[in-house]
Amino acid sequence: MDKQGQEKFLSFILERVQDGKEDEARAILKENFRKQDEGTFSQQEIQEFVPKMIGLIKPERLEEVQAVVRKFSGDFGNR
């Protein structure tokens, strides 16, 4: 994912995070983006990322976020 895609993904997620959890979500996402940029981001990181983020997302937005993450992880796996 390029920098522009990362920023869009970050904004998308942060708009759907529970109040007060934005900083935690931002830190998790920035760490994942750093690993992507370094080429060290793996399918295992995706599998660790999902449960962490589920706990931060507003329950009513969870299905929407999961759909986007599934698409992202699928695209990542096709590289």
PDB file of N, CA and C in Angstrom:
ATOM      1  N   MET A   1       0.864  -1.172   0.000  1.00  0.00           N
ATOM      2  CA  MET A   1       0.000   0.000   0.000  1.00  0.00           C
ATOM      3  C   MET A   1       0.906   1.230   0.000  1.00  0.00           C
ATOM      4  N   ASP A   2       0.636   2.153  -0.895  1.00  0.00           N
ATOM      5  CA  ASP A   2       1.442   3.370  -0.939  1.00  0.00           C
ATOM      6  C   ASP A   2       1.036   4.329   0.183  1.00  0.00           C
ATOM      7  N   LYS A   3       1.797   5.402   0.329  1.00  0.00           N
ATOM      8  CA  LYS A   3       1.552   6.358   1.430  1.00  0.00           C
ATOM      9  C   LYS A   3       0.135   6.924   1.377  1.00  0.00           C
ATOM     10  N   GLN A   4      -0.343   7.242   0.186  1.00  0.00           N
ATOM     11  CA  GLN A   4      -1.694   7.788   0.054  1.00  0.00           C
ATOM     12  C   GLN A   4      -2.731   6.752   0.495  1.00  0.00           C
ATOM     13  N   GLY A   5      -2.539   5.505   0.108  1.00  0.00           N
ATOM     14  CA  GLY A   5      -3.433   4.434   0.532  1.00  0.00           C
ATOM     15  C   GLY A   5      -3.394   4.226   2.037  1.00  0.00           C
ATOM     16  N   GLN A   6      -2.190   4.329   2.610  1.00  0.00           N
ATOM     17  CA  GLN A   6      -2.051   4.195   4.058  1.00  0.00           C
ATOM     18  C   GLN A   6      -2.824   5.294   4.783  1.00  0.00           C
ATOM     19  N   GLU A   7      -2.719   6.505   4.297  1.00  0.00           N
ATOM     20  CA  GLU A   7      -3.421   7.629   4.935  1.00  0.00           C
ATOM     21  C   GLU A   7      -4.940   7.458   4.826  1.00  0.00           C
ATOM     22  N   LYS A   8      -5.417   6.996   3.684  1.00  0.00           N
ATOM     23  CA  LYS A   8      -6.856   6.760   3.516  1.00  0.00           C
ATOM     24  C   LYS A   8      -7.327   5.656   4.463  1.00  0.00           C
ATOM     25  N   PHE A   9      -6.539   4.580   4.559  1.00  0.00           N
ATOM     26  CA  PHE A   9      -6.882   3.472   5.445  1.00  0.00           C
ATOM     27  C   PHE A   9      -6.885   3.947   6.892  1.00  0.00           C
ATOM     28  N   LEU A  10      -5.876   4.725   7.271  1.00  0.00           N
ATOM     29  CA  LEU A  10      -5.791   5.273   8.627  1.00  0.00           C
ATOM     30  C   LEU A  10      -7.024   6.115   8.936  1.00  0.00           C
ATOM     31  N   SER A  11      -7.386   7.010   8.044  1.00  0.00           N
ATOM     32  CA  SER A  11      -8.563   7.854   8.258  1.00  0.00           C
ATOM     33  C   SER A  11      -9.837   7.027   8.361  1.00  0.00           C
ATOM     34  N   PHE A  12      -9.960   6.044   7.478  1.00  0.00           N
ATOM     35  CA  PHE A  12     -11.133   5.163   7.490  1.00  0.00           C
ATOM     36  C   PHE A  12     -11.277   4.483   8.846  1.00  0.00           C
ATOM     37  N   ILE A  13     -10.186   3.908   9.329  1.00  0.00           N
ATOM     38  CA  ILE A  13     -10.223   3.185  10.607  1.00  0.00           C
ATOM     39  C   ILE A  13     -10.487   4.149  11.756  1.00  0.00           C
ATOM     40  N   LEU A  14      -9.775   5.262  11.795  1.00  0.00           N
ATOM     41  CA  LEU A  14      -9.910   6.184  12.928  1.00  0.00           C
ATOM     42  C   LEU A  14     -11.323   6.747  13.045  1.00  0.00           C
ATOM     43  N   GLU A  15     -12.026   6.879  11.937  1.00  0.00           N
ATOM     44  CA  GLU A  15     -13.415   7.356  11.973  1.00  0.00           C
ATOM     45  C   GLU A  15     -14.355   6.318  12.590  1.00  0.00           C
ATOM     46  N   ARG A  16     -13.888   5.081  12.687  1.00  0.00           N
ATOM     47  CA  ARG A  16     -14.739   3.989  13.169  1.00  0.00           C
ATOM     48  C   ARG A  16     -14.275   3.413  14.511  1.00  0.00           C
ATOM     49  N   VAL A  17     -13.281   4.034  15.098  1.00  0.00           N
ATOM     50  CA  VAL A  17     -12.734   3.582  16.380  1.00  0.00           C
ATOM     51  C   VAL A  17     -13.563   4.161  17.524  1.00  0.00           C
ATOM     52  N   GLN A  18     -13.651   3.388  18.612  1.00  0.00           N
ATOM     53  CA  GLN A  18     -14.356   3.853  19.794  1.00  0.00           C
ATOM     54  C   GLN A  18     -13.719   5.139  20.319  1.00  0.00           C
ATOM     55  N   ASP A  19     -14.545   5.996  20.894  1.00  0.00           N
ATOM     56  CA  ASP A  19     -14.043   7.241  21.466  1.00  0.00           C
ATOM     57  C   ASP A  19     -12.973   6.935  22.496  1.00  0.00           C
ATOM     58  N   GLY A  20     -11.868   7.673  22.411  1.00  0.00           N
ATOM     59  CA  GLY A  20     -10.771   7.502  23.350  1.00  0.00           C
ATOM     60  C   GLY A  20      -9.763   6.437  22.947  1.00  0.00           C
ATOM     61  N   LYS A  21     -10.028   5.716  21.871  1.00  0.00           N
ATOM     62  CA  LYS A  21      -9.125   4.643  21.427  1.00  0.00           C
ATOM     63  C   LYS A  21      -8.321   5.036  20.183  1.00  0.00           C
ATOM     64  N   GLU A  22      -8.478   6.279  19.755  1.00  0.00           N
ATOM     65  CA  GLU A  22      -7.844   6.714  18.510  1.00  0.00           C
ATOM     66  C   GLU A  22      -6.318   6.612  18.558  1.00  0.00           C
ATOM     67  N   ASP A  23      -5.709   7.031  19.664  1.00  0.00           N
ATOM     68  CA  ASP A  23      -4.245   7.002  19.754  1.00  0.00           C
ATOM     69  C   ASP A  23      -3.707   5.579  19.686  1.00  0.00           C
ATOM     70  N   GLU A  24      -4.382   4.664  20.361  1.00  0.00           N
ATOM     71  CA  GLU A  24      -3.967   3.262  20.342  1.00  0.00           C
ATOM     72  C   GLU A  24      -4.079   2.693  18.924  1.00  0.00           C
ATOM     73  N   ALA A  25      -5.183   2.980  18.260  1.00  0.00           N
ATOM     74  CA  ALA A  25      -5.384   2.498  16.885  1.00  0.00           C
ATOM     75  C   ALA A  25      -4.344   3.103  15.955  1.00  0.00           C
ATOM     76  N   ARG A  26      -4.086   4.384  16.096  1.00  0.00           N
ATOM     77  CA  ARG A  26      -3.098   5.065  15.257  1.00  0.00           C
ATOM     78  C   ARG A  26      -1.722   4.419  15.435  1.00  0.00           C
ATOM     79  N   ALA A  27      -1.335   4.122  16.670  1.00  0.00           N
ATOM     80  CA  ALA A  27      -0.027   3.517  16.938  1.00  0.00           C
ATOM     81  C   ALA A  27       0.091   2.140  16.277  1.00  0.00           C
ATOM     82  N   ILE A  28      -0.959   1.336  16.384  1.00  0.00           N
ATOM     83  CA  ILE A  28      -0.950   0.008  15.765  1.00  0.00           C
ATOM     84  C   ILE A  28      -0.826   0.132  14.256  1.00  0.00           C
ATOM     85  N   LEU A  29      -1.606   1.020  13.667  1.00  0.00           N
ATOM     86  CA  LEU A  29      -1.573   1.195  12.211  1.00  0.00           C
ATOM     87  C   LEU A  29      -0.225   1.732  11.740  1.00  0.00           C
ATOM     88  N   LYS A  30       0.319   2.709  12.437  1.00  0.00           N
ATOM     89  CA  LYS A  30       1.608   3.286  12.034  1.00  0.00           C
ATOM     90  C   LYS A  30       2.712   2.231  12.085  1.00  0.00           C
ATOM     91  N   GLU A  31       2.678   1.367  13.102  1.00  0.00           N
ATOM     92  CA  GLU A  31       3.660   0.282  13.191  1.00  0.00           C
ATOM     93  C   GLU A  31       3.507  -0.674  12.009  1.00  0.00           C
ATOM     94  N   ASN A  32       2.281  -1.020  11.657  1.00  0.00           N
ATOM     95  CA  ASN A  32       2.061  -1.882  10.495  1.00  0.00           C
ATOM     96  C   ASN A  32       2.532  -1.214   9.210  1.00  0.00           C
ATOM     97  N   PHE A  33       2.275   0.074   9.059  1.00  0.00           N
ATOM     98  CA  PHE A  33       2.720   0.796   7.865  1.00  0.00           C
ATOM     99  C   PHE A  33       4.247   0.806   7.787  1.00  0.00           C
ATOM    100  N   ARG A  34       4.910   0.983   8.943  1.00  0.00           N
ATOM    101  CA  ARG A  34       6.376   0.993   8.969  1.00  0.00           C
ATOM    102  C   ARG A  34       6.896  -0.361   8.470  1.00  0.00           C
ATOM    103  N   LYS A  35       6.290  -1.432   8.948  1.00  0.00           N
ATOM    104  CA  LYS A  35       6.711  -2.765   8.519  1.00  0.00           C
ATOM    105  C   LYS A  35       6.456  -2.968   7.030  1.00  0.00           C
ATOM    106  N   GLN A  36       5.348  -2.431   6.523  1.00  0.00           N
ATOM    107  CA  GLN A  36       5.076  -2.516   5.087  1.00  0.00           C
ATOM    108  C   GLN A  36       6.173  -1.798   4.310  1.00  0.00           C
ATOM    109  N   ASP A  37       6.515  -0.600   4.758  1.00  0.00           N
ATOM    110  CA  ASP A  37       7.529   0.195   4.068  1.00  0.00           C
ATOM    111  C   ASP A  37       8.887  -0.501   4.070  1.00  0.00           C
ATOM    112  N   GLU A  38       9.180  -1.227   5.156  1.00  0.00           N
ATOM    113  CA  GLU A  38      10.450  -1.945   5.274  1.00  0.00           C
ATOM    114  C   GLU A  38      10.425  -3.288   4.553  1.00  0.00           C
ATOM    115  N   GLY A  39       9.232  -3.724   4.160  1.00  0.00           N
ATOM    116  CA  GLY A  39       9.104  -5.009   3.500  1.00  0.00           C
ATOM    117  C   GLY A  39       9.081  -6.184   4.466  1.00  0.00           C
ATOM    118  N   THR A  40       8.808  -5.908   5.738  1.00  0.00           N
ATOM    119  CA  THR A  40       8.792  -6.976   6.747  1.00  0.00           C
ATOM    120  C   THR A  40       7.379  -7.321   7.213  1.00  0.00           C
ATOM    121  N   PHE A  41       6.377  -6.720   6.613  1.00  0.00           N
ATOM    122  CA  PHE A  41       4.987  -6.957   6.990  1.00  0.00           C
ATOM    123  C   PHE A  41       4.541  -8.284   6.392  1.00  0.00           C
ATOM    124  N   SER A  42       4.020  -9.164   7.223  1.00  0.00           N
ATOM    125  CA  SER A  42       3.682 -10.511   6.771  1.00  0.00           C
ATOM    126  C   SER A  42       2.211 -10.839   7.037  1.00  0.00           C
ATOM    127  N   GLN A  43       1.803 -11.981   6.538  1.00  0.00           N
ATOM    128  CA  GLN A  43       0.447 -12.467   6.787  1.00  0.00           C
ATOM    129  C   GLN A  43       0.231 -12.647   8.289  1.00  0.00           C
ATOM    130  N   GLN A  44       1.271 -13.026   9.006  1.00  0.00           N
ATOM    131  CA  GLN A  44       1.164 -13.185  10.461  1.00  0.00           C
ATOM    132  C   GLN A  44       0.823 -11.856  11.127  1.00  0.00           C
ATOM    133  N   GLU A  45       1.427 -10.768  10.672  1.00  0.00           N
ATOM    134  CA  GLU A  45       1.096  -9.452  11.221  1.00  0.00           C
ATOM    135  C   GLU A  45      -0.366  -9.111  10.977  1.00  0.00           C
ATOM    136  N   ILE A  46      -0.867  -9.466   9.824  1.00  0.00           N
ATOM    137  CA  ILE A  46      -2.279  -9.223   9.532  1.00  0.00           C
ATOM    138  C   ILE A  46      -3.143  -9.999  10.524  1.00  0.00           C
ATOM    139  N   GLN A  47      -2.780 -11.245  10.783  1.00  0.00           N
ATOM    140  CA  GLN A  47      -3.551 -12.077  11.701  1.00  0.00           C
ATOM    141  C   GLN A  47      -3.488 -11.540  13.135  1.00  0.00           C
ATOM    142  N   GLU A  48      -2.388 -10.886  13.502  1.00  0.00           N
ATOM    143  CA  GLU A  48      -2.271 -10.280  14.829  1.00  0.00           C
ATOM    144  C   GLU A  48      -2.995  -8.936  14.886  1.00  0.00           C
ATOM    145  N   PHE A  49      -2.987  -8.233  13.776  1.00  0.00           N
ATOM    146  CA  PHE A  49      -3.588  -6.908  13.675  1.00  0.00           C
ATOM    147  C   PHE A  49      -5.106  -6.965  13.871  1.00  0.00           C
ATOM    148  N   VAL A  50      -5.741  -7.943  13.238  1.00  0.00           N
ATOM    149  CA  VAL A  50      -7.202  -8.005  13.237  1.00  0.00           C
ATOM    150  C   VAL A  50      -7.785  -8.081  14.651  1.00  0.00           C
ATOM    151  N   PRO A  51      -7.343  -9.011  15.510  1.00  0.00           N
ATOM    152  CA  PRO A  51      -7.938  -9.054  16.858  1.00  0.00           C
ATOM    153  C   PRO A  51      -7.685  -7.781  17.664  1.00  0.00           C
ATOM    154  N   LYS A  52      -6.509  -7.195  17.501  1.00  0.00           N
ATOM    155  CA  LYS A  52      -6.216  -5.940  18.210  1.00  0.00           C
ATOM    156  C   LYS A  52      -7.208  -4.855  17.800  1.00  0.00           C
ATOM    157  N   MET A  53      -7.441  -4.748  16.500  1.00  0.00           N
ATOM    158  CA  MET A  53      -8.304  -3.680  16.004  1.00  0.00           C
ATOM    159  C   MET A  53      -9.774  -3.948  16.324  1.00  0.00           C
ATOM    160  N   ILE A  54     -10.186  -5.206  16.332  1.00  0.00           N
ATOM    161  CA  ILE A  54     -11.581  -5.523  16.645  1.00  0.00           C
ATOM    162  C   ILE A  54     -11.965  -4.937  17.999  1.00  0.00           C
ATOM    163  N   GLY A  55     -11.047  -5.005  18.953  1.00  0.00           N
ATOM    164  CA  GLY A  55     -11.316  -4.479  20.282  1.00  0.00           C
ATOM    165  C   GLY A  55     -11.408  -2.965  20.343  1.00  0.00           C
ATOM    166  N   LEU A  56     -10.966  -2.287  19.292  1.00  0.00           N
ATOM    167  CA  LEU A  56     -10.962  -0.828  19.276  1.00  0.00           C
ATOM    168  C   LEU A  56     -12.088  -0.226  18.445  1.00  0.00           C
ATOM    169  N   ILE A  57     -12.669  -1.017  17.572  1.00  0.00           N
ATOM    170  CA  ILE A  57     -13.685  -0.519  16.635  1.00  0.00           C
ATOM    171  C   ILE A  57     -15.054  -0.445  17.318  1.00  0.00           C
ATOM    172  N   LYS A  58     -15.820   0.567  16.947  1.00  0.00           N
ATOM    173  CA  LYS A  58     -17.202   0.668  17.429  1.00  0.00           C
ATOM    174  C   LYS A  58     -17.962  -0.568  16.963  1.00  0.00           C
ATOM    175  N   PRO A  59     -18.702  -1.223  17.861  1.00  0.00           N
ATOM    176  CA  PRO A  59     -19.394  -2.466  17.482  1.00  0.00           C
ATOM    177  C   PRO A  59     -20.274  -2.327  16.243  1.00  0.00           C
ATOM    178  N   GLU A  60     -20.930  -1.206  16.097  1.00  0.00           N
ATOM    179  CA  GLU A  60     -21.831  -1.033  14.959  1.00  0.00           C
ATOM    180  C   GLU A  60     -21.079  -0.818  13.635  1.00  0.00           C
ATOM    181  N   ARG A  61     -19.759  -0.606  13.696  1.00  0.00           N
ATOM    182  CA  ARG A  61     -18.953  -0.400  12.482  1.00  0.00           C
ATOM    183  C   ARG A  61     -18.064  -1.600  12.178  1.00  0.00           C
ATOM    184  N   LEU A  62     -18.112  -2.607  13.027  1.00  0.00           N
ATOM    185  CA  LEU A  62     -17.190  -3.732  12.926  1.00  0.00           C
ATOM    186  C   LEU A  62     -17.304  -4.485  11.600  1.00  0.00           C
ATOM    187  N   GLU A  63     -18.516  -4.775  11.179  1.00  0.00           N
ATOM    188  CA  GLU A  63     -18.693  -5.534   9.934  1.00  0.00           C
ATOM    189  C   GLU A  63     -18.093  -4.788   8.744  1.00  0.00           C
ATOM    190  N   GLU A  64     -18.321  -3.498   8.689  1.00  0.00           N
ATOM    191  CA  GLU A  64     -17.784  -2.667   7.606  1.00  0.00           C
ATOM    192  C   GLU A  64     -16.254  -2.703   7.606  1.00  0.00           C
ATOM    193  N   VAL A  65     -15.652  -2.571   8.770  1.00  0.00           N
ATOM    194  CA  VAL A  65     -14.193  -2.572   8.885  1.00  0.00           C
ATOM    195  C   VAL A  65     -13.639  -3.948   8.523  1.00  0.00           C
ATOM    196  N   GLN A  66     -14.278  -5.002   8.988  1.00  0.00           N
ATOM    197  CA  GLN A  66     -13.804  -6.350   8.674  1.00  0.00           C
ATOM    198  C   GLN A  66     -13.806  -6.597   7.170  1.00  0.00           C
ATOM    199  N   ALA A  67     -14.804  -6.100   6.468  1.00  0.00           N
ATOM    200  CA  ALA A  67     -14.869  -6.274   5.015  1.00  0.00           C
ATOM    201  C   ALA A  67     -13.688  -5.593   4.335  1.00  0.00           C
ATOM    202  N   VAL A  68     -13.352  -4.395   4.773  1.00  0.00           N
ATOM    203  CA  VAL A  68     -12.225  -3.664   4.183  1.00  0.00           C
ATOM    204  C   VAL A  68     -10.905  -4.360   4.515  1.00  0.00           C
ATOM    205  N   VAL A  69     -10.764  -4.812   5.751  1.00  0.00           N
ATOM    206  CA  VAL A  69      -9.527  -5.495   6.146  1.00  0.00           C
ATOM    207  C   VAL A  69      -9.370  -6.803   5.371  1.00  0.00           C
ATOM    208  N   ARG A  70     -10.465  -7.522   5.159  1.00  0.00           N
ATOM    209  CA  ARG A  70     -10.394  -8.760   4.367  1.00  0.00           C
ATOM    210  C   ARG A  70      -9.923  -8.459   2.947  1.00  0.00           C
ATOM    211  N   LYS A  71     -10.443  -7.398   2.372  1.00  0.00           N
ATOM    212  CA  LYS A  71     -10.012  -7.028   1.026  1.00  0.00           C
ATOM    213  C   LYS A  71      -8.533  -6.671   1.030  1.00  0.00           C
ATOM    214  N   PHE A  72      -8.118  -5.881   1.995  1.00  0.00           N
ATOM    215  CA  PHE A  72      -6.717  -5.494   2.100  1.00  0.00           C
ATOM    216  C   PHE A  72      -5.829  -6.714   2.281  1.00  0.00           C
ATOM    217  N   SER A  73      -6.179  -7.600   3.186  1.00  0.00           N
ATOM    218  CA  SER A  73      -5.339  -8.764   3.453  1.00  0.00           C
ATOM    219  C   SER A  73      -5.308  -9.694   2.241  1.00  0.00           C
ATOM    220  N   GLY A  74      -6.409  -9.765   1.518  1.00  0.00           N
ATOM    221  CA  GLY A  74      -6.423 -10.552   0.285  1.00  0.00           C
ATOM    222  C   GLY A  74      -5.510  -9.968  -0.766  1.00  0.00           C
ATOM    223  N   ASP A  75      -5.551  -8.645  -0.904  1.00  0.00           N
ATOM    224  CA  ASP A  75      -4.663  -7.974  -1.856  1.00  0.00           C
ATOM    225  C   ASP A  75      -3.206  -8.167  -1.449  1.00  0.00           C
ATOM    226  N   PHE A  76      -2.935  -8.098  -0.146  1.00  0.00           N
ATOM    227  CA  PHE A  76      -1.583  -8.270   0.345  1.00  0.00           C
ATOM    228  C   PHE A  76      -1.072  -9.674   0.028  1.00  0.00           C
ATOM    229  N   GLY A  77      -1.928 -10.649   0.190  1.00  0.00           N
ATOM    230  CA  GLY A  77      -1.534 -12.037  -0.065  1.00  0.00           C
ATOM    231  C   GLY A  77      -1.266 -12.329  -1.528  1.00  0.00           C
ATOM    232  N   ASN A  78      -1.752 -11.473  -2.424  1.00  0.00           N
ATOM    233  CA  ASN A  78      -1.562 -11.670  -3.859  1.00  0.00           C
ATOM    234  C   ASN A  78      -0.287 -11.043  -4.393  1.00  0.00           C
ATOM    235  N   ARG A  79       0.489 -10.443  -3.532  1.00  0.00           N
ATOM    236  CA  ARG A  79       1.734  -9.790  -3.975  1.00  0.00           C
ATOM    237  C   ARG A  79       2.766 -10.814  -4.345  1.00  0.00           C
TER     238      ARG A  79
END
